[in-house]
Amino acid sequence: MTGLIPFDRSFFSDRWIRDWNIGGEDFKIDVKDADKSYTLEAELPGVSKNEISLSIADKILSISINREENVKEEKGNYIHRERRSSSMSRSVKLAGANLNDAKAKLESGVLTVTIPKQDNKAESRRIEIE
């Protein structure tokens, strides 16, 4: 074979995999505590709605991203072809959150999750000593 360019070893290094992840590591999240709710913002540039999974278990909100990239070109005789797949997950425990009424939207690469706080009225009572 003639005209082939020698491969670049850095192309196959761990750095290539890290750089492909969002932000080079896990995605970034911010949690704001307002009076009656929590607002969580996750930076997810280039991620579509169908690649995101939100779940709730034991007062913990989990955000998972699963991405696959498959190029289906049928041109030419391939000597090298790649596919990518990546998954990331972040979890946040929110005390006093009403996770059943959580709402989420994805806009301009930012996932915003709004979670109302439960109405916990302080109760006071006397405890008898035995």
N, C-alpha and C. Protein backbone atom coordinates (compact mmCIF):
# COMPACT_ATOMS: atom_id res chain seq x y z
N MET A 1 0.83 -1.18 0.00
CA MET A 1 0.00 0.00 0.00
C MET A 1 0.88 1.24 0.00
N THR A 2 0.49 2.18 -0.78
CA THR A 2 1.24 3.43 -0.80
C THR A 2 0.32 4.58 -0.42
N GLY A 3 0.92 5.68 -0.01
CA GLY A 3 0.15 6.87 0.32
C GLY A 3 -0.47 6.85 1.70
N LEU A 4 -0.14 5.86 2.53
CA LEU A 4 -0.68 5.84 3.89
C LEU A 4 0.15 6.74 4.79
N ILE A 5 -0.52 7.43 5.69
CA ILE A 5 0.15 8.29 6.66
C ILE A 5 0.33 7.50 7.93
N PRO A 6 1.55 7.52 8.54
CA PRO A 6 1.76 6.77 9.79
C PRO A 6 0.76 7.23 10.86
N PHE A 7 0.30 6.29 11.68
CA PHE A 7 -0.69 6.65 12.70
C PHE A 7 -0.06 7.46 13.81
N ASP A 8 -0.87 8.28 14.42
CA ASP A 8 -0.46 9.12 15.53
C ASP A 8 -0.81 8.40 16.82
N ARG A 9 0.19 8.03 17.60
CA ARG A 9 -0.06 7.27 18.82
C ARG A 9 -0.96 8.01 19.80
N SER A 10 -0.89 9.34 19.82
CA SER A 10 -1.72 10.10 20.76
C SER A 10 -3.21 9.96 20.43
N PHE A 11 -3.50 9.62 19.19
CA PHE A 11 -4.89 9.43 18.79
C PHE A 11 -5.53 8.28 19.56
N PHE A 12 -4.74 7.25 19.88
CA PHE A 12 -5.25 6.08 20.56
C PHE A 12 -5.01 6.11 22.07
N SER A 13 -4.55 7.22 22.59
CA SER A 13 -4.24 7.31 24.01
C SER A 13 -5.50 7.53 24.84
N ASP A 14 -5.33 7.46 26.16
CA ASP A 14 -6.45 7.72 27.07
C ASP A 14 -6.94 9.16 26.94
N ARG A 15 -6.07 10.06 26.54
CA ARG A 15 -6.45 11.47 26.40
C ARG A 15 -7.58 11.62 25.38
N TRP A 16 -7.54 10.86 24.31
CA TRP A 16 -8.59 10.92 23.29
C TRP A 16 -9.94 10.58 23.92
N ILE A 17 -9.97 9.58 24.78
CA ILE A 17 -11.21 9.19 25.43
C ILE A 17 -11.66 10.27 26.41
N ARG A 18 -10.74 10.80 27.23
CA ARG A 18 -11.08 11.85 28.19
C ARG A 18 -11.59 13.09 27.49
N ASP A 19 -10.95 13.51 26.39
CA ASP A 19 -11.36 14.72 25.69
C ASP A 19 -12.74 14.58 25.08
N TRP A 20 -13.14 13.37 24.76
CA TRP A 20 -14.45 13.19 24.17
C TRP A 20 -15.56 13.31 25.20
N ASN A 21 -15.26 12.97 26.47
CA ASN A 21 -16.26 13.14 27.52
C ASN A 21 -16.61 14.60 27.66
N ILE A 22 -17.78 14.87 28.15
CA ILE A 22 -18.24 16.24 28.35
C ILE A 22 -17.35 16.90 29.40
N GLY A 23 -16.67 17.95 29.02
CA GLY A 23 -15.85 18.68 29.97
C GLY A 23 -14.59 17.95 30.39
N GLY A 24 -14.27 16.81 29.79
CA GLY A 24 -13.05 16.11 30.12
C GLY A 24 -13.17 15.18 31.31
N GLU A 25 -14.24 15.22 32.06
CA GLU A 25 -14.44 14.33 33.20
C GLU A 25 -15.94 14.12 33.34
N ASP A 26 -16.45 14.13 34.56
CA ASP A 26 -17.91 14.09 34.73
C ASP A 26 -18.47 15.45 34.34
N PHE A 27 -19.76 15.48 34.03
CA PHE A 27 -20.38 16.75 33.71
C PHE A 27 -20.55 17.57 35.00
N LYS A 28 -20.59 18.86 34.84
CA LYS A 28 -20.66 19.78 35.98
C LYS A 28 -22.11 20.01 36.39
N ILE A 29 -22.35 20.06 37.70
CA ILE A 29 -23.68 20.37 38.20
C ILE A 29 -23.60 21.45 39.27
N ASP A 30 -24.64 22.27 39.34
CA ASP A 30 -24.80 23.28 40.38
C ASP A 30 -26.15 23.03 41.04
N VAL A 31 -26.19 23.13 42.36
CA VAL A 31 -27.45 22.97 43.09
C VAL A 31 -27.69 24.25 43.88
N LYS A 32 -28.84 24.88 43.64
CA LYS A 32 -29.22 26.10 44.34
C LYS A 32 -30.34 25.78 45.32
N ASP A 33 -30.23 26.34 46.52
CA ASP A 33 -31.24 26.15 47.55
C ASP A 33 -32.05 27.43 47.66
N ALA A 34 -33.29 27.40 47.16
CA ALA A 34 -34.20 28.54 47.28
C ALA A 34 -35.13 28.28 48.46
N ASP A 35 -36.00 29.22 48.73
CA ASP A 35 -36.91 29.08 49.87
C ASP A 35 -37.77 27.83 49.80
N LYS A 36 -38.43 27.63 48.67
CA LYS A 36 -39.40 26.54 48.58
C LYS A 36 -39.01 25.44 47.62
N SER A 37 -37.79 25.52 47.05
CA SER A 37 -37.38 24.50 46.09
C SER A 37 -35.87 24.45 45.96
N TYR A 38 -35.41 23.37 45.32
CA TYR A 38 -34.02 23.23 44.89
C TYR A 38 -34.01 23.36 43.37
N THR A 39 -32.95 23.95 42.84
CA THR A 39 -32.77 23.99 41.39
C THR A 39 -31.40 23.40 41.09
N LEU A 40 -31.40 22.37 40.27
CA LEU A 40 -30.16 21.72 39.87
C LEU A 40 -29.93 22.02 38.40
N GLU A 41 -28.72 22.50 38.05
CA GLU A 41 -28.36 22.75 36.66
C GLU A 41 -27.16 21.89 36.30
N ALA A 42 -27.28 21.14 35.22
CA ALA A 42 -26.20 20.29 34.73
C ALA A 42 -25.79 20.76 33.34
N GLU A 43 -24.49 20.98 33.15
CA GLU A 43 -23.99 21.40 31.84
C GLU A 43 -23.80 20.17 30.97
N LEU A 44 -24.58 20.09 29.88
CA LEU A 44 -24.56 18.92 28.99
C LEU A 44 -24.50 19.36 27.53
N PRO A 45 -23.42 20.05 27.13
CA PRO A 45 -23.36 20.51 25.74
C PRO A 45 -23.34 19.35 24.75
N GLY A 46 -24.16 19.47 23.72
CA GLY A 46 -24.19 18.45 22.67
C GLY A 46 -24.98 17.20 23.01
N VAL A 47 -25.57 17.14 24.20
CA VAL A 47 -26.32 15.96 24.61
C VAL A 47 -27.79 16.18 24.28
N SER A 48 -28.42 15.18 23.69
CA SER A 48 -29.84 15.30 23.36
C SER A 48 -30.70 14.71 24.49
N LYS A 49 -31.95 15.06 24.47
CA LYS A 49 -32.90 14.65 25.50
C LYS A 49 -32.99 13.13 25.63
N ASN A 50 -32.93 12.41 24.51
CA ASN A 50 -33.06 10.96 24.57
C ASN A 50 -31.79 10.26 25.09
N GLU A 51 -30.71 10.98 25.30
CA GLU A 51 -29.48 10.40 25.86
C GLU A 51 -29.40 10.58 27.38
N ILE A 52 -30.40 11.27 27.96
CA ILE A 52 -30.40 11.58 29.39
C ILE A 52 -31.43 10.72 30.10
N SER A 53 -31.05 10.21 31.27
CA SER A 53 -31.97 9.46 32.10
C SER A 53 -31.96 10.07 33.50
N LEU A 54 -33.14 10.43 34.01
CA LEU A 54 -33.29 10.94 35.38
C LEU A 54 -34.01 9.89 36.20
N SER A 55 -33.48 9.60 37.39
CA SER A 55 -34.15 8.62 38.26
C SER A 55 -34.07 9.08 39.71
N ILE A 56 -34.97 8.54 40.51
CA ILE A 56 -35.08 8.90 41.92
C ILE A 56 -35.14 7.62 42.74
N ALA A 57 -34.30 7.54 43.79
CA ALA A 57 -34.34 6.40 44.71
C ALA A 57 -33.79 6.87 46.05
N ASP A 58 -34.52 6.59 47.12
CA ASP A 58 -34.10 6.92 48.49
C ASP A 58 -33.66 8.37 48.64
N LYS A 59 -34.48 9.30 48.15
CA LYS A 59 -34.22 10.75 48.26
C LYS A 59 -32.97 11.18 47.48
N ILE A 60 -32.53 10.34 46.53
CA ILE A 60 -31.36 10.65 45.71
C ILE A 60 -31.79 10.81 44.26
N LEU A 61 -31.46 11.96 43.69
CA LEU A 61 -31.72 12.23 42.28
C LEU A 61 -30.47 11.84 41.49
N SER A 62 -30.62 11.00 40.48
CA SER A 62 -29.49 10.56 39.65
C SER A 62 -29.71 11.00 38.21
N ILE A 63 -28.64 11.54 37.61
CA ILE A 63 -28.65 11.93 36.21
C ILE A 63 -27.63 11.05 35.50
N SER A 64 -28.07 10.34 34.47
CA SER A 64 -27.18 9.47 33.70
C SER A 64 -27.20 9.87 32.24
N ILE A 65 -26.03 9.83 31.61
CA ILE A 65 -25.88 10.12 30.19
C ILE A 65 -25.31 8.88 29.52
N ASN A 66 -25.95 8.45 28.45
CA ASN A 66 -25.46 7.35 27.63
C ASN A 66 -25.40 7.81 26.19
N ARG A 67 -24.18 7.84 25.63
CA ARG A 67 -24.00 8.32 24.26
C ARG A 67 -23.31 7.26 23.41
N GLU A 68 -23.76 7.16 22.18
CA GLU A 68 -23.10 6.29 21.20
C GLU A 68 -23.01 7.05 19.89
N GLU A 69 -21.87 6.92 19.24
CA GLU A 69 -21.69 7.56 17.95
C GLU A 69 -21.26 6.50 16.96
N ASN A 70 -22.09 6.25 15.98
CA ASN A 70 -21.80 5.31 14.92
C ASN A 70 -21.95 6.02 13.58
N VAL A 71 -20.87 6.10 12.84
CA VAL A 71 -20.92 6.71 11.52
C VAL A 71 -21.17 5.59 10.53
N LYS A 72 -22.22 5.73 9.73
CA LYS A 72 -22.57 4.69 8.77
C LYS A 72 -22.36 5.22 7.35
N GLU A 73 -21.12 5.36 6.98
CA GLU A 73 -20.77 5.74 5.62
C GLU A 73 -20.47 4.47 4.84
N GLU A 74 -20.95 4.40 3.68
CA GLU A 74 -20.72 3.22 2.86
C GLU A 74 -19.79 3.53 1.69
N LYS A 75 -18.96 4.54 1.84
CA LYS A 75 -18.06 4.93 0.75
C LYS A 75 -16.68 4.31 0.95
N GLY A 76 -16.06 3.95 -0.13
CA GLY A 76 -14.64 3.57 -0.14
C GLY A 76 -14.32 2.27 0.57
N ASN A 77 -13.03 1.96 0.56
CA ASN A 77 -12.50 0.77 1.23
C ASN A 77 -11.85 1.22 2.54
N TYR A 78 -12.50 0.91 3.64
CA TYR A 78 -12.00 1.35 4.94
C TYR A 78 -10.77 0.55 5.35
N ILE A 79 -9.80 1.26 5.92
CA ILE A 79 -8.68 0.60 6.58
C ILE A 79 -8.70 0.91 8.07
N HIS A 80 -9.55 1.85 8.46
CA HIS A 80 -9.71 2.21 9.87
C HIS A 80 -11.10 2.82 10.04
N ARG A 81 -11.84 2.36 11.02
CA ARG A 81 -13.18 2.88 11.28
C ARG A 81 -13.44 2.85 12.78
N GLU A 82 -14.09 3.86 13.33
CA GLU A 82 -14.28 3.94 14.77
C GLU A 82 -15.72 4.14 15.17
N ARG A 83 -16.02 3.69 16.37
CA ARG A 83 -17.29 3.93 17.03
C ARG A 83 -16.98 4.42 18.43
N ARG A 84 -17.85 5.25 18.96
CA ARG A 84 -17.62 5.77 20.31
C ARG A 84 -18.84 5.47 21.17
N SER A 85 -18.59 5.20 22.43
CA SER A 85 -19.68 5.07 23.38
C SER A 85 -19.18 5.58 24.72
N SER A 86 -20.06 6.25 25.44
CA SER A 86 -19.67 6.86 26.70
C SER A 86 -20.87 6.88 27.63
N SER A 87 -20.61 6.73 28.91
CA SER A 87 -21.68 6.90 29.89
C SER A 87 -21.12 7.59 31.11
N MET A 88 -21.93 8.46 31.69
CA MET A 88 -21.55 9.21 32.88
C MET A 88 -22.77 9.30 33.78
N SER A 89 -22.53 9.46 35.08
CA SER A 89 -23.63 9.56 36.01
C SER A 89 -23.24 10.43 37.18
N ARG A 90 -24.20 11.22 37.67
CA ARG A 90 -24.02 12.03 38.87
C ARG A 90 -25.26 11.85 39.73
N SER A 91 -25.07 11.84 41.04
CA SER A 91 -26.19 11.69 41.98
C SER A 91 -26.08 12.75 43.06
N VAL A 92 -27.27 13.22 43.51
CA VAL A 92 -27.33 14.25 44.54
C VAL A 92 -28.42 13.87 45.52
N LYS A 93 -28.08 13.88 46.82
CA LYS A 93 -29.09 13.65 47.85
C LYS A 93 -29.57 15.01 48.34
N LEU A 94 -30.88 15.21 48.34
CA LEU A 94 -31.46 16.49 48.72
C LEU A 94 -32.39 16.29 49.91
N ALA A 95 -31.96 16.78 51.06
CA ALA A 95 -32.77 16.65 52.28
C ALA A 95 -34.04 17.48 52.16
N GLY A 96 -35.14 16.89 52.52
CA GLY A 96 -36.41 17.61 52.52
C GLY A 96 -37.00 17.88 51.15
N ALA A 97 -36.50 17.21 50.13
CA ALA A 97 -37.00 17.43 48.77
C ALA A 97 -38.21 16.56 48.49
N ASN A 98 -39.16 17.11 47.76
CA ASN A 98 -40.33 16.37 47.30
C ASN A 98 -40.02 15.88 45.89
N LEU A 99 -39.30 14.78 45.79
CA LEU A 99 -38.82 14.30 44.50
C LEU A 99 -39.95 13.83 43.58
N ASN A 100 -41.12 13.56 44.13
CA ASN A 100 -42.25 13.14 43.30
C ASN A 100 -42.76 14.26 42.41
N ASP A 101 -42.50 15.52 42.77
CA ASP A 101 -42.98 16.65 41.98
C ASP A 101 -41.85 17.35 41.22
N ALA A 102 -40.76 16.65 40.98
CA ALA A 102 -39.62 17.22 40.25
C ALA A 102 -40.00 17.47 38.79
N LYS A 103 -39.47 18.55 38.23
CA LYS A 103 -39.69 18.89 36.81
C LYS A 103 -38.33 19.14 36.18
N ALA A 104 -38.18 18.76 34.90
CA ALA A 104 -36.90 18.93 34.22
C ALA A 104 -37.10 19.46 32.82
N LYS A 105 -36.12 20.26 32.35
CA LYS A 105 -36.12 20.73 30.96
C LYS A 105 -34.68 20.84 30.49
N LEU A 106 -34.48 20.61 29.20
CA LEU A 106 -33.17 20.72 28.57
C LEU A 106 -33.25 21.85 27.56
N GLU A 107 -32.37 22.85 27.76
CA GLU A 107 -32.39 24.02 26.89
C GLU A 107 -30.96 24.54 26.70
N SER A 108 -30.54 24.66 25.46
CA SER A 108 -29.21 25.19 25.12
C SER A 108 -28.08 24.48 25.85
N GLY A 109 -28.17 23.16 25.96
CA GLY A 109 -27.10 22.37 26.57
C GLY A 109 -27.09 22.39 28.09
N VAL A 110 -28.13 22.94 28.72
CA VAL A 110 -28.21 22.97 30.17
C VAL A 110 -29.49 22.26 30.61
N LEU A 111 -29.33 21.22 31.42
CA LEU A 111 -30.46 20.52 32.00
C LEU A 111 -30.80 21.21 33.32
N THR A 112 -32.04 21.66 33.46
CA THR A 112 -32.49 22.30 34.69
C THR A 112 -33.56 21.43 35.33
N VAL A 113 -33.31 21.03 36.58
CA VAL A 113 -34.26 20.22 37.33
C VAL A 113 -34.71 21.05 38.53
N THR A 114 -36.02 21.25 38.65
CA THR A 114 -36.58 22.00 39.77
C THR A 114 -37.33 21.02 40.67
N ILE A 115 -36.97 21.04 41.96
CA ILE A 115 -37.54 20.10 42.91
C ILE A 115 -38.10 20.88 44.10
N PRO A 116 -39.41 20.84 44.30
CA PRO A 116 -39.97 21.56 45.45
C PRO A 116 -39.56 20.89 46.76
N LYS A 117 -39.51 21.71 47.80
CA LYS A 117 -39.23 21.17 49.13
C LYS A 117 -40.53 20.71 49.77
N GLN A 118 -40.43 19.71 50.62
CA GLN A 118 -41.61 19.25 51.34
C GLN A 118 -41.94 20.27 52.42
N ASP A 119 -43.22 20.38 52.70
CA ASP A 119 -43.67 21.30 53.74
C ASP A 119 -43.54 20.58 55.07
N ASN A 120 -42.41 20.78 55.74
CA ASN A 120 -42.16 20.13 57.03
C ASN A 120 -42.45 21.12 58.15
N LYS A 121 -43.62 21.01 58.71
CA LYS A 121 -43.97 21.87 59.83
C LYS A 121 -43.33 21.29 61.08
N ALA A 122 -42.74 22.16 61.84
CA ALA A 122 -42.09 21.71 63.07
C ALA A 122 -43.14 21.24 64.08
N GLU A 123 -42.92 20.07 64.58
CA GLU A 123 -43.80 19.54 65.61
C GLU A 123 -43.04 19.52 66.92
N SER A 124 -43.74 19.87 67.97
CA SER A 124 -43.11 19.77 69.28
C SER A 124 -44.01 18.94 70.19
N ARG A 125 -43.41 18.14 70.99
CA ARG A 125 -44.16 17.32 71.95
C ARG A 125 -43.25 16.94 73.08
N ARG A 126 -43.85 16.59 74.14
CA ARG A 126 -43.10 16.20 75.34
C ARG A 126 -42.84 14.71 75.27
N ILE A 127 -41.65 14.32 75.67
CA ILE A 127 -41.27 12.91 75.71
C ILE A 127 -41.21 12.50 77.17
N GLU A 128 -41.97 11.51 77.51
CA GLU A 128 -41.98 10.98 78.88
C GLU A 128 -40.78 10.08 79.11
N ILE A 129 -40.20 10.18 80.27
CA ILE A 129 -39.06 9.33 80.65
C ILE A 129 -39.59 8.15 81.42
N GLU A 130 -39.19 6.95 81.06
CA GLU A 130 -39.63 5.75 81.76
C GLU A 130 -38.77 5.48 82.97
